[in-house]
């Protein structure tokens, strides 16, 4: 199997389920059972998995893959991420709906122009976060919220960010400019014995 041109993660394999090779699988599809509708699933290292049977089981699905016939084979797959190519996914969503894979590579702009590029989209449980490489910086994480990213244009190849809401400028800088006599070093930092930096 050749490498997918534009992989989109659809699921991750969890623990073995029973002794006949079934696996618990966490899906990232709107309908968990729809995982079987996308055809063969692929791994980053080029392996292909075909779903023979799928059924719901609480917050996951239980899947039987072709060629996985016992618990030992199933246990060896725990943690395996499953992908399809972006071309396999429908494009019939609303104008403001898109896949995470569509965001990767987009230019990031603020009021001054282009400032960077999206290299990844993460979700650690608190919402989507854009991983952005900025000129002169190694990279920053920007919350993917309406306040921080008010405009997304997949067709034009960019996202517009609000630097303050995105955390790209310190609020102190904005406050210092607007309030004469503001001294950020003069703020109390807590007692020395409590770990404060005085």
C-alpha atoms as a PDB file:
ATOM      1  CA  UNK A   1       0.000   0.000   0.000  1.00  0.00           C
ATOM      2  CA  UNK A   2       1.350   3.389  -0.917  1.00  0.00           C
ATOM      3  CA  UNK A   3       1.279   6.195   1.612  1.00  0.00           C
ATOM      4  CA  UNK A   4      -1.931   8.247   1.787  1.00  0.00           C
ATOM      5  CA  UNK A   5      -1.533  11.658   0.168  1.00  0.00           C
ATOM      6  CA  UNK A   6      -3.759  13.510   2.632  1.00  0.00           C
ATOM      7  CA  UNK A   7      -4.515  11.235   5.624  1.00  0.00           C
ATOM      8  CA  UNK A   8      -7.432  11.976   7.938  1.00  0.00           C
ATOM      9  CA  UNK A   9      -7.576  10.050  11.199  1.00  0.00           C
ATOM     10  CA  UNK A  10     -10.871   8.208  11.550  1.00  0.00           C
ATOM     11  CA  UNK A  11     -10.268   6.046  14.622  1.00  0.00           C
ATOM     12  CA  UNK A  12      -7.800   4.600  17.082  1.00  0.00           C
ATOM     13  CA  UNK A  13      -7.757   0.952  18.121  1.00  0.00           C
ATOM     14  CA  UNK A  14      -8.124   0.275  21.828  1.00  0.00           C
ATOM     15  CA  UNK A  15      -8.116  -2.915  23.858  1.00  0.00           C
ATOM     16  CA  UNK A  16      -8.920  -6.419  22.699  1.00  0.00           C
ATOM     17  CA  UNK A  17     -12.537  -7.491  23.256  1.00  0.00           C
ATOM     18  CA  UNK A  18     -12.995 -11.181  23.982  1.00  0.00           C
ATOM     19  CA  UNK A  19     -10.877 -14.042  22.661  1.00  0.00           C
ATOM     20  CA  UNK A  20     -11.854 -14.115  18.964  1.00  0.00           C
ATOM     21  CA  UNK A  21      -9.828 -11.110  17.767  1.00  0.00           C
ATOM     22  CA  UNK A  22     -12.440  -8.358  18.219  1.00  0.00           C
ATOM     23  CA  UNK A  23     -11.231  -4.897  19.225  1.00  0.00           C
ATOM     24  CA  UNK A  24     -12.677  -1.869  20.956  1.00  0.00           C
ATOM     25  CA  UNK A  25     -12.237   1.115  18.636  1.00  0.00           C
ATOM     26  CA  UNK A  26     -12.713   4.819  19.377  1.00  0.00           C
ATOM     27  CA  UNK A  27     -14.048   6.560  16.264  1.00  0.00           C
ATOM     28  CA  UNK A  28     -13.883  10.204  15.228  1.00  0.00           C
ATOM     29  CA  UNK A  29     -16.871   9.976  12.888  1.00  0.00           C
ATOM     30  CA  UNK A  30     -20.238  11.647  13.509  1.00  0.00           C
ATOM     31  CA  UNK A  31     -21.912   8.223  13.615  1.00  0.00           C
ATOM     32  CA  UNK A  32     -19.511   5.659  15.112  1.00  0.00           C
ATOM     33  CA  UNK A  33     -20.956   2.847  12.979  1.00  0.00           C
ATOM     34  CA  UNK A  34     -20.199   4.887   9.824  1.00  0.00           C
ATOM     35  CA  UNK A  35     -16.535   3.894  10.222  1.00  0.00           C
ATOM     36  CA  UNK A  36     -17.315   0.880   8.033  1.00  0.00           C
ATOM     37  CA  UNK A  37     -18.629   3.134   5.223  1.00  0.00           C
ATOM     38  CA  UNK A  38     -15.237   4.562   4.219  1.00  0.00           C
ATOM     39  CA  UNK A  39     -13.718   1.378   2.831  1.00  0.00           C
ATOM     40  CA  UNK A  40     -10.337   0.044   3.945  1.00  0.00           C
ATOM     41  CA  UNK A  41      -8.619   1.874   6.787  1.00  0.00           C
ATOM     42  CA  UNK A  42      -4.872   2.480   6.705  1.00  0.00           C
ATOM     43  CA  UNK A  43      -2.085   2.967   9.221  1.00  0.00           C
ATOM     44  CA  UNK A  44       0.800   5.405   8.922  1.00  0.00           C
ATOM     45  CA  UNK A  45       3.176   2.518   8.237  1.00  0.00           C
ATOM     46  CA  UNK A  46       1.107   1.324   5.254  1.00  0.00           C
ATOM     47  CA  UNK A  47      -0.923  -1.558   6.706  1.00  0.00           C
ATOM     48  CA  UNK A  48      -4.536  -1.883   5.555  1.00  0.00           C
ATOM     49  CA  UNK A  49      -7.509  -3.009   7.656  1.00  0.00           C
ATOM     50  CA  UNK A  50     -10.867  -4.137   6.321  1.00  0.00           C
ATOM     51  CA  UNK A  51     -13.865  -4.145   8.677  1.00  0.00           C
ATOM     52  CA  UNK A  52     -15.816  -7.417   8.644  1.00  0.00           C
ATOM     53  CA  UNK A  53     -18.209  -6.575  11.489  1.00  0.00           C
ATOM     54  CA  UNK A  54     -18.946  -3.530  13.637  1.00  0.00           C
ATOM     55  CA  UNK A  55     -21.339  -2.985  16.537  1.00  0.00           C
ATOM     56  CA  UNK A  56     -21.846  -0.290  19.193  1.00  0.00           C
ATOM     57  CA  UNK A  57     -20.512  -0.784  22.719  1.00  0.00           C
ATOM     58  CA  UNK A  58     -21.079   2.267  24.916  1.00  0.00           C
ATOM     59  CA  UNK A  59     -18.821   5.131  23.819  1.00  0.00           C
ATOM     60  CA  UNK A  60     -16.840   2.946  21.373  1.00  0.00           C
ATOM     61  CA  UNK A  61     -17.528   0.308  18.739  1.00  0.00           C
ATOM     62  CA  UNK A  62     -16.442  -3.312  18.718  1.00  0.00           C
ATOM     63  CA  UNK A  63     -14.842  -4.220  15.404  1.00  0.00           C
ATOM     64  CA  UNK A  64     -13.736  -7.462  13.781  1.00  0.00           C
ATOM     65  CA  UNK A  65     -11.006  -6.857  11.193  1.00  0.00           C
ATOM     66  CA  UNK A  66     -10.136  -9.259   8.401  1.00  0.00           C
ATOM     67  CA  UNK A  67      -7.093 -11.334   9.370  1.00  0.00           C
ATOM     68  CA  UNK A  68      -7.294 -10.615  13.123  1.00  0.00           C
ATOM     69  CA  UNK A  69      -8.546 -13.935  14.489  1.00  0.00           C
ATOM     70  CA  UNK A  70      -7.376 -14.232  18.096  1.00  0.00           C
ATOM     71  CA  UNK A  71      -6.794 -12.181  21.211  1.00  0.00           C
ATOM     72  CA  UNK A  72      -2.993 -12.111  20.794  1.00  0.00           C
ATOM     73  CA  UNK A  73      -3.264 -10.568  17.311  1.00  0.00           C
ATOM     74  CA  UNK A  74      -5.843  -8.098  18.629  1.00  0.00           C
ATOM     75  CA  UNK A  75      -3.718  -7.065  21.635  1.00  0.00           C
ATOM     76  CA  UNK A  76      -0.784  -6.307  19.317  1.00  0.00           C
ATOM     77  CA  UNK A  77      -2.893  -3.627  17.575  1.00  0.00           C
ATOM     78  CA  UNK A  78      -3.740  -1.556  20.678  1.00  0.00           C
ATOM     79  CA  UNK A  79      -3.047   2.142  20.059  1.00  0.00           C
ATOM     80  CA  UNK A  80      -2.962   1.822  16.254  1.00  0.00           C
ATOM     81  CA  UNK A  81      -4.318   4.920  14.511  1.00  0.00           C
ATOM     82  CA  UNK A  82      -6.531   4.348  11.463  1.00  0.00           C
ATOM     83  CA  UNK A  83      -6.764   6.752   8.521  1.00  0.00           C
ATOM     84  CA  UNK A  84      -8.478   7.270   5.172  1.00  0.00           C
ATOM     85  CA  UNK A  85      -7.442   9.640   2.421  1.00  0.00           C
ATOM     86  CA  UNK A  86      -9.196  13.027   2.469  1.00  0.00           C
ATOM     87  CA  UNK A  87     -10.605  12.264  -0.994  1.00  0.00           C
ATOM     88  CA  UNK A  88     -12.791   9.521   0.577  1.00  0.00           C
ATOM     89  CA  UNK A  89     -14.670  12.057   2.733  1.00  0.00           C
ATOM     90  CA  UNK A  90     -17.749  13.936   1.506  1.00  0.00           C
ATOM     91  CA  UNK A  91     -17.660  17.682   0.798  1.00  0.00           C
ATOM     92  CA  UNK A  92     -21.379  18.304   1.323  1.00  0.00           C
ATOM     93  CA  UNK A  93     -21.068  20.282   4.563  1.00  0.00           C
ATOM     94  CA  UNK A  94     -21.966  23.894   5.209  1.00  0.00           C
ATOM     95  CA  UNK A  95     -19.630  26.663   4.065  1.00  0.00           C
ATOM     96  CA  UNK A  96     -18.222  27.035   7.587  1.00  0.00           C
ATOM     97  CA  UNK A  97     -17.710  23.268   8.053  1.00  0.00           C
ATOM     98  CA  UNK A  98     -14.425  21.581   7.217  1.00  0.00           C
ATOM     99  CA  UNK A  99     -12.117  18.798   8.299  1.00  0.00           C
ATOM    100  CA  UNK A 100      -9.023  19.337  10.434  1.00  0.00           C
ATOM    101  CA  UNK A 101      -6.974  18.076   7.488  1.00  0.00           C
ATOM    102  CA  UNK A 102      -8.285  21.028   5.447  1.00  0.00           C
ATOM    103  CA  UNK A 103      -6.725  23.483   7.922  1.00  0.00           C
ATOM    104  CA  UNK A 104      -3.202  22.071   7.794  1.00  0.00           C
ATOM    105  CA  UNK A 105      -0.992  24.183   5.560  1.00  0.00           C
ATOM    106  CA  UNK A 106      -3.256  27.251   5.596  1.00  0.00           C
ATOM    107  CA  UNK A 107      -1.624  30.655   5.971  1.00  0.00           C
ATOM    108  CA  UNK A 108      -2.269  32.493   9.252  1.00  0.00           C
ATOM    109  CA  UNK A 109      -2.969  36.224   8.941  1.00  0.00           C
ATOM    110  CA  UNK A 110      -3.549  39.081  11.339  1.00  0.00           C
ATOM    111  CA  UNK A 111      -4.288  42.747  10.590  1.00  0.00           C
ATOM    112  CA  UNK A 112      -0.734  43.262   9.318  1.00  0.00           C
ATOM    113  CA  UNK A 113      -0.713  40.350   6.856  1.00  0.00           C
ATOM    114  CA  UNK A 114       0.684  36.803   6.805  1.00  0.00           C
ATOM    115  CA  UNK A 115       2.370  35.799  10.063  1.00  0.00           C
ATOM    116  CA  UNK A 116       2.659  32.019   9.833  1.00  0.00           C
ATOM    117  CA  UNK A 117       1.245  28.685   8.750  1.00  0.00           C
ATOM    118  CA  UNK A 118      -0.842  25.932  10.420  1.00  0.00           C
ATOM    119  CA  UNK A 119       1.200  22.749  10.800  1.00  0.00           C
ATOM    120  CA  UNK A 120      -1.233  20.629  12.862  1.00  0.00           C
ATOM    121  CA  UNK A 121      -4.551  20.604  14.692  1.00  0.00           C
ATOM    122  CA  UNK A 122      -4.672  19.064  18.176  1.00  0.00           C
ATOM    123  CA  UNK A 123      -7.399  18.315  20.690  1.00  0.00           C
ATOM    124  CA  UNK A 124      -6.247  17.354  24.163  1.00  0.00           C
ATOM    125  CA  UNK A 125      -9.786  17.329  25.561  1.00  0.00           C
ATOM    126  CA  UNK A 126     -10.404  21.049  26.027  1.00  0.00           C
ATOM    127  CA  UNK A 127     -11.198  21.953  22.427  1.00  0.00           C
ATOM    128  CA  UNK A 128      -9.336  22.215  19.142  1.00  0.00           C
ATOM    129  CA  UNK A 129      -5.950  23.947  19.091  1.00  0.00           C
ATOM    130  CA  UNK A 130      -4.046  25.137  16.027  1.00  0.00           C
ATOM    131  CA  UNK A 131      -0.311  24.435  16.010  1.00  0.00           C
ATOM    132  CA  UNK A 132       1.146  27.398  14.107  1.00  0.00           C
ATOM    133  CA  UNK A 133       4.707  28.076  12.988  1.00  0.00           C
ATOM    134  CA  UNK A 134       5.340  31.819  13.091  1.00  0.00           C
ATOM    135  CA  UNK A 135       8.193  33.720  11.497  1.00  0.00           C
ATOM    136  CA  UNK A 136      10.964  34.105  14.042  1.00  0.00           C
ATOM    137  CA  UNK A 137       9.393  31.624  16.484  1.00  0.00           C
ATOM    138  CA  UNK A 138       9.554  27.865  16.779  1.00  0.00           C
ATOM    139  CA  UNK A 139       5.773  27.563  16.998  1.00  0.00           C
ATOM    140  CA  UNK A 140       2.754  28.531  19.039  1.00  0.00           C
ATOM    141  CA  UNK A 141      -0.578  26.981  19.960  1.00  0.00           C
ATOM    142  CA  UNK A 142      -3.699  29.021  19.230  1.00  0.00           C
ATOM    143  CA  UNK A 143      -7.154  28.074  20.537  1.00  0.00           C
ATOM    144  CA  UNK A 144      -9.461  27.350  17.616  1.00  0.00           C
ATOM    145  CA  UNK A 145     -12.321  29.521  18.884  1.00  0.00           C
ATOM    146  CA  UNK A 146     -14.476  32.142  17.186  1.00  0.00           C
ATOM    147  CA  UNK A 147     -12.747  34.873  19.232  1.00  0.00           C
ATOM    148  CA  UNK A 148      -9.188  33.783  18.393  1.00  0.00           C
ATOM    149  CA  UNK A 149      -9.870  32.715  14.783  1.00  0.00           C
ATOM    150  CA  UNK A 150     -12.814  34.813  13.563  1.00  0.00           C
ATOM    151  CA  UNK A 151     -12.468  33.926   9.876  1.00  0.00           C
ATOM    152  CA  UNK A 152     -11.547  30.717   8.031  1.00  0.00           C
ATOM    153  CA  UNK A 153     -11.320  30.625   4.245  1.00  0.00           C
ATOM    154  CA  UNK A 154     -10.396  27.182   2.977  1.00  0.00           C
ATOM    155  CA  UNK A 155     -10.949  28.300  -0.632  1.00  0.00           C
ATOM    156  CA  UNK A 156      -8.578  31.280  -0.281  1.00  0.00           C
ATOM    157  CA  UNK A 157      -6.054  29.311   1.792  1.00  0.00           C
ATOM    158  CA  UNK A 158      -5.928  31.331   5.025  1.00  0.00           C
ATOM    159  CA  UNK A 159      -7.311  31.873   8.518  1.00  0.00           C
ATOM    160  CA  UNK A 160      -7.603  35.299  10.137  1.00  0.00           C
ATOM    161  CA  UNK A 161      -6.565  35.530  13.798  1.00  0.00           C
ATOM    162  CA  UNK A 162      -7.144  38.122  16.486  1.00  0.00           C
ATOM    163  CA  UNK A 163      -3.648  38.428  18.049  1.00  0.00           C
ATOM    164  CA  UNK A 164      -4.944  39.330  21.528  1.00  0.00           C
ATOM    165  CA  UNK A 165      -7.582  36.571  21.710  1.00  0.00           C
ATOM    166  CA  UNK A 166      -5.115  34.092  20.175  1.00  0.00           C
ATOM    167  CA  UNK A 167      -2.544  34.849  22.875  1.00  0.00           C
ATOM    168  CA  UNK A 168       0.039  36.169  20.425  1.00  0.00           C
ATOM    169  CA  UNK A 169       0.436  39.469  22.318  1.00  0.00           C
ATOM    170  CA  UNK A 170       0.414  39.951  26.056  1.00  0.00           C
ATOM    171  CA  UNK A 171      -2.579  41.723  27.568  1.00  0.00           C
ATOM    172  CA  UNK A 172      -0.065  43.608  29.677  1.00  0.00           C
ATOM    173  CA  UNK A 173       1.354  45.182  26.515  1.00  0.00           C
ATOM    174  CA  UNK A 174      -2.099  46.428  25.548  1.00  0.00           C
ATOM    175  CA  UNK A 175      -2.859  47.640  29.081  1.00  0.00           C
ATOM    176  CA  UNK A 176       0.535  49.322  29.405  1.00  0.00           C
ATOM    177  CA  UNK A 177      -0.030  51.261  26.220  1.00  0.00           C
ATOM    178  CA  UNK A 178      -3.484  52.391  27.331  1.00  0.00           C
ATOM    179  CA  UNK A 179      -2.724  53.246  30.986  1.00  0.00           C
ATOM    180  CA  UNK A 180      -0.035  55.777  31.790  1.00  0.00           C
ATOM    181  CA  UNK A 181       2.040  54.875  34.814  1.00  0.00           C
ATOM    182  CA  UNK A 182       1.417  51.139  34.489  1.00  0.00           C
ATOM    183  CA  UNK A 183       4.401  49.181  35.732  1.00  0.00           C
ATOM    184  CA  UNK A 184       4.113  45.409  35.285  1.00  0.00           C
ATOM    185  CA  UNK A 185       7.182  44.886  37.482  1.00  0.00           C
ATOM    186  CA  UNK A 186       5.484  46.693  40.342  1.00  0.00           C
ATOM    187  CA  UNK A 187       2.650  44.170  40.633  1.00  0.00           C
ATOM    188  CA  UNK A 188       2.694  41.951  43.720  1.00  0.00           C
ATOM    189  CA  UNK A 189       4.013  38.462  42.974  1.00  0.00           C
ATOM    190  CA  UNK A 190       3.248  36.764  46.282  1.00  0.00           C
ATOM    191  CA  UNK A 191       5.435  36.010  49.292  1.00  0.00           C
ATOM    192  CA  UNK A 192       8.991  34.816  48.727  1.00  0.00           C
ATOM    193  CA  UNK A 193       8.464  31.640  50.724  1.00  0.00           C
ATOM    194  CA  UNK A 194       5.452  30.733  48.542  1.00  0.00           C
ATOM    195  CA  UNK A 195       7.550  30.562  45.391  1.00  0.00           C
ATOM    196  CA  UNK A 196       6.791  34.086  44.197  1.00  0.00           C
ATOM    197  CA  UNK A 197       9.375  35.747  41.995  1.00  0.00           C
ATOM    198  CA  UNK A 198      10.390  38.941  43.773  1.00  0.00           C
END
